[in-house]
Amino acid sequence: MNQKELKEFLDLKYEKYNTVEFIASDPVSVPHLFTKKEDIEIAAFLSATIAWGQRTSIIKNANRLIELMDMSPFDFIVNANNDDFRYFKKFVHRTFNGDDCAYFLKSLSRIYREYGSMEHVFTEGFSQDNTIRSGIIHLRNTFFSIAHETRVEKHFSNPEKNSSCKRINLFLRWMVRNDHRGVDFGIWKNIPSSALLCPLDIHSGNVSRKLGLLSRTSNDWQAVEEMTANLRKLDIHDPVKYDFALFGLGIFEGF
């Protein structure tokens, strides 16, 4: 199909899958439990961090994390001490274990106490050259700037190592996009939707290749940039809206 036909096709799928009915079966349902900005940020970041594997398992474990924080993630994060973090030592989601979880909470605690929010740290990095890549690198460097085991770093992907950074790009989509449809939150006001990069996994990658949006065979950072560049030709202001279409086609339609 030509570019006009491709845009019409993906626009239809975007309309179909970007609905509030989509929320309940998706990890985004966990941050949707909250209305306070900081609660949404923390719940979204943790949910996106463990967003691989079976969707039901992701949602179940993300909800469990929030319950362990007494359903008040921001209050827990800013007031917790080392004894409080011990309650998470038995938490496991696939390879994300209790030690990883405790470190993530400690690092979030430091970020909120010292910088006020993840948004502030990310925006500092983004403002260096107005790229998502710089924002991720700066946030990641800040996140791992306290003592930690090297193994925990694999749970926060690094674009400098050519990772696709699927989960952090998903988190950023939730935080930045605001199309008033009720799925994405749009609570980060200083990052334009036009700058976002599309989350890339095996499903969206396969669909993108079939549609001619992606020629690169590896699902890496270069593939993310290529795919998003082609999506910008369809919507320069909001290219990542097509994540809904690619995801729906891959997961629900077996495209």
Protein backbone atom coordinates (compact mmCIF):
# COMPACT_ATOMS: atom_id res chain seq x y z
CA MET A 1 0.00 0.00 0.00
CA ASN A 2 1.13 3.56 -0.62
CA GLN A 3 1.75 6.11 2.15
CA LYS A 4 -1.78 7.54 2.00
CA GLU A 5 -3.30 4.07 2.26
CA LEU A 6 -0.91 3.12 5.06
CA LYS A 7 -1.83 6.22 7.05
CA GLU A 8 -5.56 5.55 6.60
CA PHE A 9 -5.08 1.92 7.67
CA LEU A 10 -3.04 2.77 10.78
CA ASP A 11 -5.34 5.67 11.71
CA LEU A 12 -8.27 3.24 11.75
CA LYS A 13 -6.37 0.82 14.00
CA TYR A 14 -5.30 3.68 16.27
CA GLU A 15 -8.94 4.70 16.67
CA LYS A 16 -9.89 1.09 17.38
CA TYR A 17 -7.32 0.34 20.07
CA ASN A 18 -6.78 3.72 21.76
CA THR A 19 -9.85 3.48 23.98
CA VAL A 20 -10.51 3.32 27.72
CA GLU A 21 -11.77 -0.24 27.21
CA PHE A 22 -8.14 -1.11 26.45
CA ILE A 23 -6.97 -0.06 29.93
CA ALA A 24 -8.19 -3.00 32.05
CA SER A 25 -6.16 -5.58 30.10
CA ASP A 26 -2.96 -3.51 30.03
CA PRO A 27 -0.27 -2.58 32.59
CA VAL A 28 -1.34 1.06 32.19
CA SER A 29 -4.30 0.09 34.38
CA VAL A 30 -2.04 0.25 37.45
CA PRO A 31 -1.12 3.97 37.27
CA HIS A 32 -4.77 4.60 36.37
CA LEU A 33 -5.59 3.72 39.97
CA PHE A 34 -4.30 7.18 40.92
CA THR A 35 -4.96 10.85 40.27
CA LYS A 36 -1.97 12.49 41.96
CA LYS A 37 0.88 13.18 39.52
CA GLU A 38 3.63 11.65 41.67
CA ASP A 39 1.59 8.51 42.38
CA ILE A 40 0.95 8.09 38.66
CA GLU A 41 4.65 8.56 37.81
CA ILE A 42 5.88 6.02 40.32
CA ALA A 43 3.19 3.42 39.58
CA ALA A 44 3.77 3.87 35.84
CA PHE A 45 7.55 3.57 36.08
CA LEU A 46 7.40 0.40 38.17
CA SER A 47 4.69 -1.14 35.99
CA ALA A 48 6.67 -0.39 32.82
CA THR A 49 9.85 -1.77 34.43
CA ILE A 50 8.29 -5.23 34.77
CA ALA A 51 6.29 -5.06 31.54
CA TRP A 52 7.56 -8.19 29.87
CA GLY A 53 6.05 -11.68 29.86
CA GLN A 54 2.37 -12.52 30.23
CA ARG A 55 0.19 -9.44 30.53
CA THR A 56 -1.90 -10.95 33.33
CA SER A 57 1.26 -11.67 35.32
CA ILE A 58 2.60 -8.15 34.72
CA ILE A 59 -0.62 -6.56 35.96
CA LYS A 60 -0.88 -8.88 38.95
CA ASN A 61 2.69 -8.22 40.09
CA ALA A 62 2.53 -4.48 39.44
CA ASN A 63 -0.60 -4.31 41.59
CA ARG A 64 1.17 -6.32 44.26
CA LEU A 65 4.01 -3.78 44.32
CA ILE A 66 1.52 -0.95 44.82
CA GLU A 67 -0.26 -2.87 47.57
CA LEU A 68 3.06 -3.35 49.38
CA MET A 69 3.30 0.46 49.36
CA ASP A 70 -0.13 0.66 51.04
CA MET A 71 -1.62 2.00 47.79
CA SER A 72 0.26 5.28 48.34
CA PRO A 73 3.43 5.05 46.23
CA PHE A 74 4.56 8.67 46.56
CA ASP A 75 3.99 8.80 50.31
CA PHE A 76 5.85 5.53 50.69
CA ILE A 77 8.76 6.59 48.48
CA VAL A 78 9.44 9.89 50.23
CA ASN A 79 9.04 8.54 53.77
CA ALA A 80 10.49 5.02 53.54
CA ASN A 81 13.64 3.96 55.37
CA ASN A 82 15.89 0.95 54.84
CA ASP A 83 13.72 -1.24 57.06
CA ASP A 84 10.70 -0.51 54.88
CA PHE A 85 12.51 -1.67 51.77
CA ARG A 86 13.07 -5.12 53.34
CA TYR A 87 9.40 -5.95 52.77
CA PHE A 88 10.13 -6.10 49.05
CA LYS A 89 12.97 -8.60 49.32
CA LYS A 90 10.67 -11.49 48.41
CA PHE A 91 9.17 -9.79 45.38
CA VAL A 92 9.85 -11.56 42.08
CA HIS A 93 8.77 -10.91 38.51
CA ARG A 94 10.70 -13.14 36.14
CA THR A 95 14.35 -11.99 36.54
CA PHE A 96 13.39 -8.84 38.48
CA ASN A 97 13.98 -10.05 42.05
CA GLY A 98 13.62 -8.61 45.53
CA ASP A 99 17.10 -7.06 45.60
CA ASP A 100 16.40 -5.36 42.27
CA CYS A 101 13.08 -4.11 43.56
CA ALA A 102 14.57 -2.74 46.78
CA TYR A 103 17.22 -0.85 44.79
CA PHE A 104 14.65 0.61 42.42
CA LEU A 105 12.63 1.90 45.38
CA LYS A 106 15.71 3.33 47.11
CA SER A 107 16.77 5.12 43.95
CA LEU A 108 13.28 6.51 43.38
CA SER A 109 13.26 7.69 46.99
CA ARG A 110 16.49 9.61 46.42
CA ILE A 111 15.25 11.12 43.16
CA TYR A 112 12.01 12.40 44.68
CA ARG A 113 13.72 13.70 47.80
CA GLU A 114 16.57 15.44 45.97
CA TYR A 115 15.06 16.41 42.61
CA GLY A 116 11.31 16.44 43.19
CA SER A 117 10.37 14.09 40.36
CA MET A 118 11.56 11.86 37.55
CA GLU A 119 10.18 14.43 35.15
CA HIS A 120 12.65 17.03 36.39
CA VAL A 121 15.62 14.70 35.92
CA PHE A 122 14.48 13.50 32.51
CA THR A 123 13.81 17.04 31.28
CA GLU A 124 17.33 18.11 32.31
CA GLY A 125 18.76 15.45 30.02
CA PHE A 126 16.28 16.08 27.23
CA SER A 127 17.09 19.80 27.18
CA GLN A 128 20.72 19.07 26.26
CA ASP A 129 19.78 18.44 22.63
CA ASN A 130 15.99 17.90 22.68
CA THR A 131 16.22 14.14 22.16
CA ILE A 132 14.61 11.32 24.07
CA ARG A 133 17.94 9.48 23.96
CA SER A 134 19.66 12.18 26.03
CA GLY A 135 16.75 12.27 28.45
CA ILE A 136 16.89 8.52 29.02
CA ILE A 137 20.67 8.51 29.45
CA HIS A 138 20.55 11.34 32.01
CA LEU A 139 17.70 9.77 33.97
CA ARG A 140 19.43 6.38 33.90
CA ASN A 141 22.78 7.81 35.04
CA THR A 142 21.05 9.58 37.92
CA PHE A 143 19.10 6.45 38.77
CA PHE A 144 22.28 4.38 39.11
CA SER A 145 24.40 7.03 40.82
CA ILE A 146 24.15 5.37 44.24
CA ALA A 147 25.88 2.11 45.19
CA HIS A 148 24.34 -0.93 43.50
CA GLU A 149 25.07 -4.36 42.09
CA THR A 150 25.82 -4.34 38.37
CA ARG A 151 23.11 -6.92 37.67
CA VAL A 152 20.32 -4.47 38.56
CA GLU A 153 21.28 -2.25 35.61
CA LYS A 154 19.76 -4.67 33.10
CA HIS A 155 16.29 -3.66 34.27
CA PHE A 156 16.74 -0.08 33.03
CA SER A 157 17.86 -0.34 29.41
CA ASN A 158 20.64 1.80 27.99
CA PRO A 159 20.43 3.40 24.53
CA GLU A 160 24.21 3.87 24.65
CA LYS A 161 24.42 0.07 24.35
CA ASN A 162 21.95 0.13 21.43
CA SER A 163 19.05 -1.30 23.44
CA SER A 164 15.59 -0.59 22.05
CA CYS A 165 14.57 0.63 25.54
CA LYS A 166 11.02 -0.61 24.92
CA ARG A 167 9.83 -0.32 28.52
CA ILE A 168 11.20 3.16 29.20
CA ASN A 169 9.78 4.40 25.87
CA LEU A 170 6.43 2.93 26.90
CA PHE A 171 6.65 4.77 30.22
CA LEU A 172 7.45 8.00 28.39
CA ARG A 173 4.47 7.52 26.08
CA TRP A 174 2.21 7.25 29.11
CA MET A 175 3.70 10.35 30.74
CA VAL A 176 3.93 12.67 27.71
CA ARG A 177 1.09 11.94 25.28
CA ASN A 178 -2.25 13.60 25.91
CA ASP A 179 -4.82 13.07 23.17
CA HIS A 180 -7.71 13.32 25.66
CA ARG A 181 -8.76 9.73 25.01
CA GLY A 182 -8.16 8.53 28.55
CA VAL A 183 -5.33 6.01 28.10
CA ASP A 184 -2.10 8.05 28.15
CA PHE A 185 -1.77 10.62 30.94
CA GLY A 186 0.03 13.61 29.41
CA ILE A 187 1.24 14.86 32.80
CA TRP A 188 4.77 15.74 31.62
CA LYS A 189 4.30 19.13 30.00
CA ASN A 190 7.84 20.02 28.89
CA ILE A 191 8.40 17.16 26.43
CA PRO A 192 6.59 17.38 23.07
CA SER A 193 4.80 14.30 21.76
CA SER A 194 6.62 14.84 18.47
CA ALA A 195 9.92 13.92 20.17
CA LEU A 196 8.75 10.56 21.52
CA LEU A 197 10.06 7.27 20.17
CA CYS A 198 7.83 4.29 19.53
CA PRO A 199 8.17 1.34 21.94
CA LEU A 200 9.61 -1.55 19.96
CA ASP A 201 9.18 -5.22 20.78
CA ILE A 202 8.90 -8.42 18.77
CA HIS A 203 5.23 -7.77 17.91
CA SER A 204 5.48 -4.14 16.83
CA GLY A 205 8.74 -4.93 15.05
CA ASN A 206 7.24 -7.74 12.99
CA VAL A 207 4.18 -5.67 12.07
CA SER A 208 6.37 -2.70 11.13
CA ARG A 209 8.50 -4.82 8.81
CA LYS A 210 5.42 -6.23 7.08
CA LEU A 211 4.09 -2.70 6.58
CA GLY A 212 7.42 -1.36 5.27
CA LEU A 213 8.02 0.87 8.28
CA LEU A 214 11.17 -0.96 9.33
CA SER A 215 13.93 -2.58 7.28
CA ARG A 216 16.44 -3.23 10.07
CA THR A 217 16.32 -6.86 11.22
CA SER A 218 17.45 -6.29 14.82
CA ASN A 219 15.08 -4.80 17.42
CA ASP A 220 17.60 -2.27 18.70
CA TRP A 221 17.89 1.49 19.19
CA GLN A 222 18.66 2.10 15.53
CA ALA A 223 15.49 0.20 14.63
CA VAL A 224 13.49 2.36 17.04
CA GLU A 225 14.77 5.52 15.36
CA GLU A 226 14.10 4.15 11.85
CA MET A 227 10.58 3.02 12.70
CA THR A 228 9.70 6.29 14.45
CA ALA A 229 11.13 8.35 11.58
CA ASN A 230 8.77 6.55 9.21
CA LEU A 231 5.84 7.04 11.57
CA ARG A 232 6.61 10.77 11.66
CA LYS A 233 5.91 10.83 7.92
CA LEU A 234 2.34 9.81 8.83
CA ASP A 235 1.96 12.19 11.78
CA ILE A 236 4.81 14.59 12.49
CA HIS A 237 3.23 15.89 15.68
CA ASP A 238 2.29 12.57 17.32
CA PRO A 239 4.06 9.62 15.66
CA VAL A 240 3.88 7.37 18.70
CA LYS A 241 0.08 7.27 18.59
CA TYR A 242 0.62 4.46 16.09
CA ASP A 243 1.99 2.29 18.89
CA PHE A 244 -1.65 1.47 19.61
CA ALA A 245 -2.14 0.34 16.01
CA LEU A 246 1.05 -1.72 15.79
CA PHE A 247 0.41 -3.33 19.17
CA GLY A 248 -3.21 -4.14 18.36
CA LEU A 249 -2.33 -5.59 14.99
CA GLY A 250 0.40 -7.76 16.50
CA ILE A 251 -1.28 -8.93 19.71
CA PHE A 252 -4.97 -9.02 18.90
CA GLU A 253 -5.04 -9.58 15.14
CA GLY A 254 -1.91 -11.69 14.59
CA PHE A 255 -1.05 -9.47 11.63
